[in-house]
Amino acid sequence: MNAEESAGFLSGDMAYLKVGEGPPLVFAAGLAFDHEIPTGMTRRMMRSWAAPFAQHFTVYFVTRKKGLEPGESMADIAGHLGRAIDSDIGGPVFLVGMSTGGSVALQLAIDRPDLVLRLVLLGSACRLGPEGRAVQAELARSIRAGDPVRGWAEVMATMMPGLLQRPARGLWRVALGPVVPKDSAEVLVTVEAEDVFDVEASLPRITAPTLVVGGAHDAGYSRELFEATARGIPDGRVHIIEGKGHATVGTATTMHLALGFLLGGAARLAS
């Protein structure tokens, strides 16, 4: 990618990676091991995801605010993002939310419709499904017990085909040991906020045209939740990818679906 790249913290201590040129596009990333400026493998993944968007937009990949306080809700977390957009970007923006980042994006689109031009949800819905809630509850228990690696191994294994999940847990524990911080308090705040997150009744407040993209076999959500989320938004639509699970959110196919939808909105604004 030849586009200029920068990284740092937006106002309110929200880490970002910025790349590309054009109208502002904020990409709310999924759960991360910490809320620091992305480095290493995480930064390489963000660059890869940004590549198609950066040819048309100025892309801001953001995580959650650094220093979340215990008990903060998804509305609080989305509020931090809204204030950063107001202060550093000037809004409104095109908004993409991946997985947990989709929960943040949905909440922002409900609370601050003035900031969102178009919304894309990748592997995310108005609430977690039962299995997604159970997996994140295990992550929360592991963090409280001082062993976040165990919980993260469970999260990563759940994204794999069923027969591979048991052996994958041990492999993930080894692989993640050197990279998962012992102090995962900020992740715990996010997980606890998402555990009670349910905005189905508030979806009609979203004014932005919205695309929901999900895998038919997503363990964290379900086809029915993706469809219900799109149906509840006045200008919502859904694209289900058959035969795929939660990992589909990071594929080139998913990213290009999102890009096409966002470019349609950009073209309308320019005309």
Foldseek 3Di string as FASTA:
>chain_A
DPWDWDWDAFPQQKTKIKTADEFEEEEEEDQDLARYHDDDPRVVLVCVLCVVVRPHHTYIYTYWHHPDDAPDALLNRLVSVVVSCCPPVVAQHAYEYEALRLLSVLSNLLVPVRNHAAYEYFLDFQAWDPQLLVLLVQCLVCLVVQHNQLSVLQVVLVQDPPVCSVVSSVVSSVVCVVPRDSNRPVSNRSSVNRSPGGCLVRQQSRDHQYEYEFECAASTHHPVRSVSRQVSHPNGDYDYDYPHYSVVSSDPVNSVVVSVVVVVSVVVVVD
